[in-house]
N, C-alpha and C. Protein backbone atom coordinates (compact mmCIF):
# COMPACT_ATOMS: atom_id res chain seq x y z
N MET A 1 -36.91 -29.44 6.98
CA MET A 1 -36.48 -28.98 5.67
C MET A 1 -36.15 -27.50 5.76
N SER A 2 -34.97 -27.12 5.31
CA SER A 2 -34.52 -25.73 5.38
C SER A 2 -35.09 -24.93 4.22
N THR A 3 -35.52 -23.72 4.53
CA THR A 3 -36.02 -22.84 3.47
C THR A 3 -34.95 -21.86 3.00
N GLU A 4 -33.75 -21.99 3.60
CA GLU A 4 -32.66 -21.11 3.17
C GLU A 4 -32.20 -21.49 1.77
N GLN A 5 -32.05 -20.46 0.96
CA GLN A 5 -31.56 -20.67 -0.39
C GLN A 5 -30.09 -20.32 -0.43
N LYS A 6 -29.29 -21.19 -1.03
CA LYS A 6 -27.87 -20.91 -1.17
C LYS A 6 -27.67 -19.86 -2.25
N LEU A 7 -26.91 -18.82 -1.91
CA LEU A 7 -26.61 -17.77 -2.87
C LEU A 7 -25.34 -18.12 -3.63
N ALA A 8 -25.33 -17.81 -4.90
CA ALA A 8 -24.14 -18.05 -5.72
C ALA A 8 -23.00 -17.15 -5.28
N ASN A 9 -21.80 -17.59 -5.51
CA ASN A 9 -20.60 -16.82 -5.24
C ASN A 9 -20.37 -15.86 -6.40
N ALA A 10 -20.52 -14.57 -6.17
CA ALA A 10 -20.33 -13.56 -7.22
C ALA A 10 -18.86 -13.21 -7.41
N GLY A 11 -18.01 -13.72 -6.52
CA GLY A 11 -16.59 -13.41 -6.61
C GLY A 11 -15.95 -13.71 -7.95
N PRO A 12 -16.19 -14.88 -8.54
CA PRO A 12 -15.58 -15.16 -9.84
C PRO A 12 -16.01 -14.18 -10.94
N LEU A 13 -17.25 -13.72 -10.90
CA LEU A 13 -17.69 -12.72 -11.87
C LEU A 13 -16.87 -11.44 -11.72
N GLY A 14 -16.74 -10.97 -10.50
CA GLY A 14 -15.96 -9.76 -10.26
C GLY A 14 -14.49 -9.95 -10.61
N LEU A 15 -13.93 -11.08 -10.22
CA LEU A 15 -12.52 -11.35 -10.52
C LEU A 15 -12.27 -11.44 -12.02
N MET A 16 -13.18 -12.07 -12.74
CA MET A 16 -13.00 -12.19 -14.19
C MET A 16 -13.17 -10.84 -14.87
N GLY A 17 -14.16 -10.05 -14.41
CA GLY A 17 -14.31 -8.70 -14.97
C GLY A 17 -13.08 -7.86 -14.75
N PHE A 18 -12.54 -7.93 -13.54
CA PHE A 18 -11.31 -7.20 -13.22
C PHE A 18 -10.14 -7.75 -14.04
N GLY A 19 -9.98 -9.08 -14.02
CA GLY A 19 -8.82 -9.70 -14.64
C GLY A 19 -8.74 -9.48 -16.14
N MET A 20 -9.83 -9.75 -16.85
CA MET A 20 -9.80 -9.61 -18.30
C MET A 20 -9.59 -8.15 -18.71
N THR A 21 -10.23 -7.22 -18.02
CA THR A 21 -10.08 -5.82 -18.36
C THR A 21 -8.66 -5.35 -18.06
N THR A 22 -8.10 -5.82 -16.95
CA THR A 22 -6.73 -5.46 -16.58
C THR A 22 -5.73 -5.99 -17.59
N VAL A 23 -5.91 -7.22 -18.05
CA VAL A 23 -5.02 -7.76 -19.07
C VAL A 23 -5.09 -6.92 -20.34
N LEU A 24 -6.30 -6.61 -20.80
CA LEU A 24 -6.43 -5.83 -22.04
C LEU A 24 -5.76 -4.46 -21.93
N LEU A 25 -6.02 -3.74 -20.84
CA LEU A 25 -5.41 -2.41 -20.70
C LEU A 25 -3.89 -2.53 -20.65
N ASN A 26 -3.39 -3.55 -19.98
CA ASN A 26 -1.95 -3.65 -19.82
C ASN A 26 -1.25 -4.26 -21.02
N LEU A 27 -1.98 -4.91 -21.91
CA LEU A 27 -1.40 -5.23 -23.22
C LEU A 27 -1.10 -3.92 -23.95
N HIS A 28 -1.95 -2.92 -23.76
CA HIS A 28 -1.68 -1.58 -24.29
C HIS A 28 -0.48 -0.95 -23.58
N ASN A 29 -0.49 -0.97 -22.24
CA ASN A 29 0.60 -0.34 -21.48
C ASN A 29 1.95 -0.96 -21.80
N ALA A 30 1.98 -2.27 -22.03
CA ALA A 30 3.23 -2.96 -22.36
C ALA A 30 3.68 -2.68 -23.79
N GLY A 31 2.83 -2.05 -24.57
CA GLY A 31 3.22 -1.64 -25.91
C GLY A 31 2.76 -2.54 -27.04
N PHE A 32 1.89 -3.50 -26.77
CA PHE A 32 1.44 -4.41 -27.82
C PHE A 32 0.37 -3.82 -28.72
N PHE A 33 -0.52 -2.98 -28.16
CA PHE A 33 -1.64 -2.43 -28.92
C PHE A 33 -1.89 -0.99 -28.48
N PRO A 34 -2.45 -0.18 -29.37
CA PRO A 34 -2.88 1.16 -28.94
C PRO A 34 -4.14 1.04 -28.07
N ASN A 35 -4.35 2.04 -27.23
CA ASN A 35 -5.59 2.07 -26.45
C ASN A 35 -6.73 2.26 -27.45
N SER A 36 -7.80 1.50 -27.30
CA SER A 36 -8.87 1.54 -28.30
C SER A 36 -10.22 1.34 -27.64
N SER A 37 -11.22 1.27 -28.49
CA SER A 37 -12.59 1.05 -28.00
C SER A 37 -12.73 -0.29 -27.30
N ILE A 38 -11.83 -1.22 -27.56
CA ILE A 38 -11.88 -2.52 -26.88
C ILE A 38 -11.69 -2.33 -25.38
N VAL A 39 -10.66 -1.57 -25.01
CA VAL A 39 -10.41 -1.32 -23.59
C VAL A 39 -11.53 -0.47 -22.99
N LEU A 40 -11.99 0.52 -23.73
CA LEU A 40 -13.07 1.38 -23.22
C LEU A 40 -14.34 0.57 -22.97
N ALA A 41 -14.71 -0.27 -23.91
CA ALA A 41 -15.93 -1.07 -23.76
C ALA A 41 -15.80 -2.05 -22.59
N MET A 42 -14.65 -2.71 -22.50
CA MET A 42 -14.44 -3.62 -21.37
C MET A 42 -14.44 -2.87 -20.05
N GLY A 43 -13.85 -1.67 -20.04
CA GLY A 43 -13.81 -0.86 -18.82
C GLY A 43 -15.21 -0.46 -18.35
N ILE A 44 -16.07 -0.15 -19.28
CA ILE A 44 -17.44 0.24 -18.92
C ILE A 44 -18.26 -0.99 -18.52
N CYS A 45 -18.22 -2.01 -19.36
CA CYS A 45 -19.16 -3.13 -19.21
C CYS A 45 -18.68 -4.21 -18.25
N PHE A 46 -17.52 -4.77 -18.50
CA PHE A 46 -17.10 -5.93 -17.70
C PHE A 46 -16.25 -5.51 -16.51
N GLY A 47 -15.26 -4.67 -16.73
CA GLY A 47 -14.47 -4.18 -15.62
C GLY A 47 -15.28 -3.30 -14.68
N GLY A 48 -16.18 -2.51 -15.24
CA GLY A 48 -16.99 -1.61 -14.44
C GLY A 48 -18.29 -2.22 -13.96
N LEU A 49 -19.22 -2.39 -14.86
CA LEU A 49 -20.57 -2.82 -14.50
C LEU A 49 -20.60 -4.20 -13.84
N ALA A 50 -19.89 -5.17 -14.41
CA ALA A 50 -19.93 -6.52 -13.84
C ALA A 50 -19.35 -6.54 -12.43
N GLN A 51 -18.31 -5.75 -12.19
CA GLN A 51 -17.74 -5.73 -10.83
C GLN A 51 -18.68 -5.04 -9.86
N ILE A 52 -19.36 -4.00 -10.30
CA ILE A 52 -20.32 -3.34 -9.41
C ILE A 52 -21.45 -4.32 -9.06
N ILE A 53 -21.93 -5.04 -10.05
CA ILE A 53 -22.97 -6.05 -9.79
C ILE A 53 -22.44 -7.10 -8.82
N ALA A 54 -21.20 -7.57 -9.05
CA ALA A 54 -20.61 -8.56 -8.14
C ALA A 54 -20.50 -8.00 -6.73
N GLY A 55 -20.13 -6.74 -6.60
CA GLY A 55 -20.04 -6.12 -5.29
C GLY A 55 -21.37 -6.07 -4.58
N ILE A 56 -22.42 -5.74 -5.31
CA ILE A 56 -23.76 -5.70 -4.72
C ILE A 56 -24.19 -7.10 -4.30
N LEU A 57 -23.89 -8.09 -5.13
CA LEU A 57 -24.24 -9.47 -4.78
C LEU A 57 -23.44 -9.97 -3.58
N GLU A 58 -22.19 -9.55 -3.47
CA GLU A 58 -21.40 -9.92 -2.29
C GLU A 58 -21.99 -9.29 -1.04
N PHE A 59 -22.58 -8.12 -1.17
CA PHE A 59 -23.26 -7.47 -0.05
C PHE A 59 -24.38 -8.37 0.48
N THR A 60 -25.15 -8.96 -0.43
CA THR A 60 -26.26 -9.82 -0.01
C THR A 60 -25.76 -11.07 0.71
N ARG A 61 -24.50 -11.45 0.47
CA ARG A 61 -23.90 -12.61 1.14
C ARG A 61 -23.20 -12.22 2.44
N GLY A 62 -23.19 -10.92 2.76
CA GLY A 62 -22.55 -10.46 3.97
C GLY A 62 -21.04 -10.37 3.87
N ASN A 63 -20.51 -10.29 2.66
CA ASN A 63 -19.06 -10.25 2.44
C ASN A 63 -18.63 -8.79 2.26
N THR A 64 -18.19 -8.18 3.36
CA THR A 64 -17.77 -6.77 3.33
C THR A 64 -16.58 -6.58 2.40
N PHE A 65 -15.58 -7.45 2.50
CA PHE A 65 -14.39 -7.31 1.66
C PHE A 65 -14.78 -7.35 0.18
N GLY A 66 -15.56 -8.35 -0.22
CA GLY A 66 -15.98 -8.48 -1.61
C GLY A 66 -16.81 -7.30 -2.07
N THR A 67 -17.69 -6.82 -1.18
CA THR A 67 -18.51 -5.66 -1.52
C THR A 67 -17.64 -4.44 -1.80
N VAL A 68 -16.73 -4.16 -0.88
CA VAL A 68 -15.87 -2.98 -1.04
C VAL A 68 -14.95 -3.13 -2.24
N ALA A 69 -14.33 -4.29 -2.37
CA ALA A 69 -13.38 -4.49 -3.47
C ALA A 69 -14.05 -4.38 -4.83
N PHE A 70 -15.07 -5.19 -5.06
CA PHE A 70 -15.66 -5.22 -6.39
C PHE A 70 -16.37 -3.91 -6.75
N THR A 71 -17.10 -3.34 -5.80
CA THR A 71 -17.79 -2.08 -6.09
C THR A 71 -16.78 -0.97 -6.35
N SER A 72 -15.74 -0.91 -5.53
CA SER A 72 -14.73 0.14 -5.70
C SER A 72 -13.98 0.00 -7.03
N TYR A 73 -13.50 -1.18 -7.34
CA TYR A 73 -12.75 -1.35 -8.58
C TYR A 73 -13.65 -1.25 -9.81
N GLY A 74 -14.92 -1.61 -9.67
CA GLY A 74 -15.86 -1.37 -10.77
C GLY A 74 -16.00 0.12 -11.03
N CYS A 75 -16.09 0.89 -9.95
CA CYS A 75 -16.15 2.36 -10.10
C CYS A 75 -14.83 2.91 -10.60
N PHE A 76 -13.71 2.28 -10.22
CA PHE A 76 -12.42 2.70 -10.77
C PHE A 76 -12.45 2.61 -12.30
N TRP A 77 -12.88 1.45 -12.83
CA TRP A 77 -12.87 1.28 -14.28
C TRP A 77 -13.77 2.30 -14.95
N GLN A 78 -14.94 2.54 -14.38
CA GLN A 78 -15.84 3.50 -15.00
C GLN A 78 -15.29 4.92 -14.92
N SER A 79 -14.63 5.25 -13.80
CA SER A 79 -14.05 6.59 -13.70
C SER A 79 -12.85 6.75 -14.63
N LEU A 80 -12.05 5.69 -14.80
CA LEU A 80 -10.91 5.76 -15.72
C LEU A 80 -11.39 5.98 -17.15
N VAL A 81 -12.42 5.27 -17.55
CA VAL A 81 -12.98 5.48 -18.89
C VAL A 81 -13.51 6.91 -19.02
N ALA A 82 -14.16 7.42 -17.98
CA ALA A 82 -14.65 8.81 -18.02
C ALA A 82 -13.48 9.79 -18.16
N ILE A 83 -12.38 9.53 -17.47
CA ILE A 83 -11.20 10.39 -17.58
C ILE A 83 -10.71 10.43 -19.02
N TRP A 84 -10.77 9.30 -19.70
CA TRP A 84 -10.33 9.25 -21.10
C TRP A 84 -11.34 9.87 -22.05
N ILE A 85 -12.64 9.64 -21.80
CA ILE A 85 -13.67 10.06 -22.75
C ILE A 85 -14.09 11.52 -22.60
N LEU A 86 -14.18 12.02 -21.38
CA LEU A 86 -14.68 13.39 -21.17
C LEU A 86 -13.90 14.44 -21.97
N PRO A 87 -12.57 14.38 -22.04
CA PRO A 87 -11.87 15.37 -22.87
C PRO A 87 -12.20 15.24 -24.36
N VAL A 88 -12.37 14.02 -24.85
CA VAL A 88 -12.71 13.80 -26.25
C VAL A 88 -14.08 14.40 -26.56
N LEU A 89 -14.99 14.30 -25.60
CA LEU A 89 -16.34 14.86 -25.78
C LEU A 89 -16.38 16.37 -25.49
N LYS A 90 -15.22 16.94 -25.17
CA LYS A 90 -15.10 18.37 -24.85
C LYS A 90 -15.90 18.76 -23.61
N LEU A 91 -16.03 17.81 -22.67
CA LEU A 91 -16.73 18.06 -21.42
C LEU A 91 -15.77 18.33 -20.26
N ALA A 92 -14.49 18.11 -20.51
CA ALA A 92 -13.47 18.36 -19.49
C ALA A 92 -12.12 18.46 -20.18
N GLU A 93 -11.17 19.03 -19.47
CA GLU A 93 -9.81 19.13 -19.99
C GLU A 93 -9.10 17.78 -19.84
N LYS A 94 -8.15 17.54 -20.73
CA LYS A 94 -7.31 16.36 -20.60
C LYS A 94 -6.53 16.50 -19.29
N PRO A 95 -6.45 15.44 -18.48
CA PRO A 95 -5.78 15.58 -17.18
C PRO A 95 -4.28 15.80 -17.31
N ASP A 96 -3.76 16.60 -16.42
CA ASP A 96 -2.32 16.77 -16.29
C ASP A 96 -1.73 15.43 -15.86
N PRO A 97 -0.61 14.98 -16.45
CA PRO A 97 -0.05 13.68 -16.06
C PRO A 97 0.21 13.55 -14.55
N ALA A 98 0.67 14.62 -13.91
CA ALA A 98 0.94 14.55 -12.47
C ALA A 98 -0.36 14.37 -11.68
N PHE A 99 -1.43 15.03 -12.11
CA PHE A 99 -2.71 14.87 -11.41
C PHE A 99 -3.25 13.45 -11.62
N LEU A 100 -3.07 12.90 -12.82
CA LEU A 100 -3.45 11.52 -13.08
C LEU A 100 -2.59 10.58 -12.21
N GLY A 101 -1.33 10.95 -12.01
CA GLY A 101 -0.47 10.19 -11.11
C GLY A 101 -1.02 10.14 -9.70
N TRP A 102 -1.54 11.27 -9.21
CA TRP A 102 -2.15 11.29 -7.87
C TRP A 102 -3.39 10.42 -7.81
N TYR A 103 -4.19 10.45 -8.85
CA TYR A 103 -5.38 9.59 -8.94
C TYR A 103 -4.95 8.12 -8.78
N LEU A 104 -3.92 7.72 -9.54
CA LEU A 104 -3.45 6.34 -9.50
C LEU A 104 -2.79 6.00 -8.17
N LEU A 105 -2.06 6.94 -7.60
CA LEU A 105 -1.42 6.70 -6.31
C LEU A 105 -2.46 6.50 -5.21
N LEU A 106 -3.54 7.28 -5.24
CA LEU A 106 -4.61 7.08 -4.26
C LEU A 106 -5.21 5.69 -4.38
N TRP A 107 -5.38 5.21 -5.59
CA TRP A 107 -5.86 3.84 -5.79
C TRP A 107 -4.83 2.84 -5.28
N GLY A 108 -3.55 3.16 -5.40
CA GLY A 108 -2.52 2.30 -4.86
C GLY A 108 -2.57 2.21 -3.34
N VAL A 109 -2.81 3.34 -2.69
CA VAL A 109 -2.93 3.35 -1.22
C VAL A 109 -4.15 2.52 -0.80
N PHE A 110 -5.28 2.74 -1.46
CA PHE A 110 -6.48 1.96 -1.18
C PHE A 110 -6.20 0.47 -1.36
N THR A 111 -5.52 0.12 -2.44
CA THR A 111 -5.24 -1.28 -2.74
C THR A 111 -4.28 -1.89 -1.72
N LEU A 112 -3.34 -1.11 -1.23
CA LEU A 112 -2.44 -1.60 -0.18
C LEU A 112 -3.24 -2.01 1.05
N PHE A 113 -4.20 -1.19 1.45
CA PHE A 113 -5.04 -1.54 2.60
C PHE A 113 -5.90 -2.77 2.29
N MET A 114 -6.40 -2.86 1.06
CA MET A 114 -7.16 -4.05 0.69
C MET A 114 -6.26 -5.29 0.70
N PHE A 115 -5.00 -5.14 0.29
CA PHE A 115 -4.04 -6.25 0.34
C PHE A 115 -3.91 -6.76 1.77
N ILE A 116 -3.83 -5.86 2.73
CA ILE A 116 -3.74 -6.28 4.14
C ILE A 116 -4.95 -7.14 4.50
N GLY A 117 -6.11 -6.81 3.92
CA GLY A 117 -7.31 -7.60 4.16
C GLY A 117 -7.26 -9.00 3.56
N THR A 118 -6.31 -9.26 2.66
CA THR A 118 -6.20 -10.59 2.04
C THR A 118 -5.28 -11.53 2.81
N LEU A 119 -4.60 -11.03 3.82
CA LEU A 119 -3.56 -11.84 4.46
C LEU A 119 -4.09 -13.10 5.13
N LYS A 120 -5.39 -13.15 5.40
CA LYS A 120 -5.99 -14.39 5.92
C LYS A 120 -6.63 -15.21 4.80
N GLY A 121 -6.50 -14.73 3.56
CA GLY A 121 -7.10 -15.40 2.41
C GLY A 121 -6.09 -16.27 1.67
N SER A 122 -6.45 -16.64 0.48
CA SER A 122 -5.60 -17.53 -0.32
C SER A 122 -4.37 -16.79 -0.83
N LYS A 123 -3.36 -17.55 -1.14
CA LYS A 123 -2.11 -16.98 -1.68
C LYS A 123 -2.35 -16.31 -3.03
N VAL A 124 -3.23 -16.87 -3.84
CA VAL A 124 -3.50 -16.26 -5.14
C VAL A 124 -4.19 -14.91 -4.95
N LEU A 125 -5.14 -14.82 -4.03
CA LEU A 125 -5.80 -13.54 -3.76
C LEU A 125 -4.78 -12.52 -3.25
N GLN A 126 -3.87 -12.96 -2.40
CA GLN A 126 -2.81 -12.07 -1.92
C GLN A 126 -1.97 -11.56 -3.09
N PHE A 127 -1.64 -12.46 -4.01
CA PHE A 127 -0.85 -12.05 -5.17
C PHE A 127 -1.60 -11.03 -6.02
N VAL A 128 -2.89 -11.26 -6.23
CA VAL A 128 -3.69 -10.32 -7.03
C VAL A 128 -3.58 -8.92 -6.43
N PHE A 129 -3.80 -8.81 -5.13
CA PHE A 129 -3.82 -7.48 -4.50
C PHE A 129 -2.42 -6.89 -4.34
N LEU A 130 -1.42 -7.72 -4.09
CA LEU A 130 -0.06 -7.19 -4.00
C LEU A 130 0.41 -6.70 -5.36
N SER A 131 0.18 -7.48 -6.40
CA SER A 131 0.60 -7.06 -7.74
C SER A 131 -0.20 -5.84 -8.20
N LEU A 132 -1.46 -5.75 -7.78
CA LEU A 132 -2.25 -4.57 -8.14
C LEU A 132 -1.73 -3.33 -7.43
N THR A 133 -1.29 -3.48 -6.19
CA THR A 133 -0.68 -2.36 -5.47
C THR A 133 0.56 -1.88 -6.21
N VAL A 134 1.42 -2.82 -6.59
CA VAL A 134 2.63 -2.48 -7.33
C VAL A 134 2.26 -1.82 -8.66
N LEU A 135 1.25 -2.35 -9.34
CA LEU A 135 0.81 -1.78 -10.61
C LEU A 135 0.38 -0.32 -10.45
N PHE A 136 -0.45 -0.03 -9.45
CA PHE A 136 -0.88 1.35 -9.27
C PHE A 136 0.29 2.28 -8.96
N VAL A 137 1.24 1.82 -8.15
CA VAL A 137 2.42 2.65 -7.84
C VAL A 137 3.23 2.89 -9.11
N LEU A 138 3.45 1.85 -9.90
CA LEU A 138 4.19 2.01 -11.15
C LEU A 138 3.46 2.95 -12.12
N LEU A 139 2.15 2.81 -12.22
CA LEU A 139 1.39 3.70 -13.11
C LEU A 139 1.45 5.15 -12.62
N ALA A 140 1.42 5.33 -11.31
CA ALA A 140 1.56 6.68 -10.76
C ALA A 140 2.93 7.24 -11.11
N LEU A 141 3.98 6.46 -10.90
CA LEU A 141 5.34 6.90 -11.24
C LEU A 141 5.47 7.18 -12.74
N HIS A 142 4.87 6.32 -13.55
CA HIS A 142 4.86 6.52 -15.01
C HIS A 142 4.31 7.91 -15.35
N ASN A 143 3.24 8.30 -14.67
CA ASN A 143 2.64 9.62 -14.94
C ASN A 143 3.43 10.75 -14.30
N PHE A 144 3.90 10.57 -13.08
CA PHE A 144 4.69 11.62 -12.42
C PHE A 144 5.96 11.93 -13.21
N LEU A 145 6.64 10.88 -13.66
CA LEU A 145 7.93 11.04 -14.33
C LEU A 145 7.81 11.08 -15.85
N GLU A 146 6.61 10.78 -16.36
CA GLU A 146 6.36 10.67 -17.80
C GLU A 146 7.39 9.75 -18.45
N SER A 147 7.58 8.58 -17.80
CA SER A 147 8.57 7.60 -18.23
C SER A 147 7.91 6.47 -19.01
N HIS A 148 8.30 6.34 -20.26
CA HIS A 148 7.78 5.26 -21.10
C HIS A 148 8.18 3.90 -20.53
N LEU A 149 9.44 3.77 -20.10
CA LEU A 149 9.94 2.50 -19.57
C LEU A 149 9.13 2.04 -18.36
N ILE A 150 8.84 2.93 -17.45
CA ILE A 150 8.04 2.56 -16.27
C ILE A 150 6.65 2.13 -16.70
N GLY A 151 6.10 2.79 -17.72
CA GLY A 151 4.79 2.40 -18.25
C GLY A 151 4.80 0.99 -18.82
N VAL A 152 5.87 0.63 -19.52
CA VAL A 152 5.99 -0.72 -20.09
C VAL A 152 6.13 -1.75 -18.97
N ILE A 153 6.96 -1.45 -17.98
CA ILE A 153 7.11 -2.37 -16.83
C ILE A 153 5.76 -2.54 -16.13
N ALA A 154 5.05 -1.43 -15.95
CA ALA A 154 3.71 -1.50 -15.35
C ALA A 154 2.80 -2.40 -16.18
N GLY A 155 2.92 -2.32 -17.49
CA GLY A 155 2.11 -3.16 -18.36
C GLY A 155 2.33 -4.63 -18.10
N TRP A 156 3.58 -5.03 -17.95
CA TRP A 156 3.89 -6.44 -17.68
C TRP A 156 3.37 -6.87 -16.30
N VAL A 157 3.53 -5.99 -15.30
CA VAL A 157 2.99 -6.29 -13.97
C VAL A 157 1.47 -6.41 -14.05
N GLY A 158 0.83 -5.53 -14.81
CA GLY A 158 -0.62 -5.57 -14.97
C GLY A 158 -1.11 -6.82 -15.66
N ILE A 159 -0.37 -7.29 -16.65
CA ILE A 159 -0.74 -8.54 -17.32
C ILE A 159 -0.70 -9.69 -16.32
N ALA A 160 0.37 -9.76 -15.52
CA ALA A 160 0.47 -10.82 -14.50
C ALA A 160 -0.65 -10.70 -13.48
N CYS A 161 -0.95 -9.49 -13.05
CA CYS A 161 -2.02 -9.26 -12.08
C CYS A 161 -3.37 -9.72 -12.65
N GLY A 162 -3.67 -9.30 -13.86
CA GLY A 162 -4.94 -9.67 -14.48
C GLY A 162 -5.08 -11.16 -14.70
N LEU A 163 -4.00 -11.79 -15.17
CA LEU A 163 -4.04 -13.24 -15.37
C LEU A 163 -4.24 -13.98 -14.06
N SER A 164 -3.63 -13.48 -12.98
CA SER A 164 -3.81 -14.14 -11.68
C SER A 164 -5.25 -14.02 -11.20
N ALA A 165 -5.90 -12.89 -11.47
CA ALA A 165 -7.31 -12.73 -11.10
C ALA A 165 -8.19 -13.67 -11.94
N MET A 166 -7.88 -13.81 -13.21
CA MET A 166 -8.63 -14.73 -14.07
C MET A 166 -8.46 -16.17 -13.58
N TYR A 167 -7.24 -16.53 -13.22
CA TYR A 167 -6.97 -17.87 -12.70
C TYR A 167 -7.80 -18.12 -11.44
N LEU A 168 -7.78 -17.16 -10.51
CA LEU A 168 -8.53 -17.33 -9.26
C LEU A 168 -10.02 -17.46 -9.54
N ALA A 169 -10.53 -16.68 -10.48
CA ALA A 169 -11.96 -16.77 -10.84
C ALA A 169 -12.30 -18.19 -11.31
N MET A 170 -11.49 -18.72 -12.20
CA MET A 170 -11.77 -20.05 -12.73
C MET A 170 -11.55 -21.13 -11.67
N ALA A 171 -10.56 -20.95 -10.80
CA ALA A 171 -10.35 -21.92 -9.72
C ALA A 171 -11.57 -21.98 -8.82
N GLU A 172 -12.15 -20.81 -8.51
CA GLU A 172 -13.34 -20.78 -7.66
C GLU A 172 -14.56 -21.38 -8.36
N VAL A 173 -14.73 -21.09 -9.65
CA VAL A 173 -15.86 -21.67 -10.39
C VAL A 173 -15.74 -23.20 -10.43
N LEU A 174 -14.56 -23.69 -10.77
CA LEU A 174 -14.37 -25.14 -10.85
C LEU A 174 -14.51 -25.80 -9.49
N HIS A 175 -14.04 -25.14 -8.44
CA HIS A 175 -14.19 -25.67 -7.08
C HIS A 175 -15.66 -25.85 -6.73
N GLU A 176 -16.46 -24.85 -7.04
CA GLU A 176 -17.89 -24.94 -6.72
C GLU A 176 -18.61 -25.93 -7.64
N GLN A 177 -18.18 -26.00 -8.88
CA GLN A 177 -18.84 -26.90 -9.83
C GLN A 177 -18.58 -28.36 -9.49
N TYR A 178 -17.34 -28.69 -9.11
CA TYR A 178 -16.95 -30.07 -8.86
C TYR A 178 -16.88 -30.42 -7.37
N HIS A 179 -17.11 -29.43 -6.50
CA HIS A 179 -17.09 -29.63 -5.05
C HIS A 179 -15.74 -30.16 -4.55
N LYS A 180 -14.68 -29.79 -5.26
CA LYS A 180 -13.33 -30.10 -4.81
C LYS A 180 -12.37 -29.16 -5.56
N ALA A 181 -11.17 -29.05 -5.02
CA ALA A 181 -10.18 -28.16 -5.61
C ALA A 181 -9.62 -28.79 -6.88
N ILE A 182 -9.97 -28.21 -8.03
CA ILE A 182 -9.43 -28.66 -9.31
C ILE A 182 -8.12 -27.89 -9.58
N LEU A 183 -8.15 -26.59 -9.35
CA LEU A 183 -6.96 -25.73 -9.46
C LEU A 183 -6.64 -25.22 -8.06
N PRO A 184 -5.40 -25.29 -7.62
CA PRO A 184 -5.08 -24.78 -6.29
C PRO A 184 -5.25 -23.26 -6.21
N PHE A 185 -5.81 -22.82 -5.09
CA PHE A 185 -5.94 -21.38 -4.88
C PHE A 185 -5.80 -21.07 -3.43
């Protein structure tokens, strides 16, 4: 009798935290809603905290990619919320758009390398990371050029990226629940 306990897959938690928060922020970027406490709360709690927890849990499973991805993007969400909130609290200056562009471009470079790490993974995971790379580049350009149109295009790319992450999360949950592929991934 084995005493090994099977650990749950924390990936769907991280993917859903990332996906739902990304969709909400990019509904704003695409012009549907103003940025509000909804995005801030999701960025802190689900996009941030839940992904950090998922990253730590992936560490216990020996999944380096999951650990780095979820922990990093969880910290991204928390740092993005801090960038927005600190000036309002008079604890920092509002960032220069070009400097915010560099912040986003660095995340794009990081994401490009993470995308390379998905090439042996599922097509949906590849799409999530490729579309996220494109999203970060577009958001950087939006800030560098202060272009509303690029921001709207980024919003649509972000919605697709977030929805694909949500899809992958649910495909993985259903796969584990039913022990067969219910949704292809």
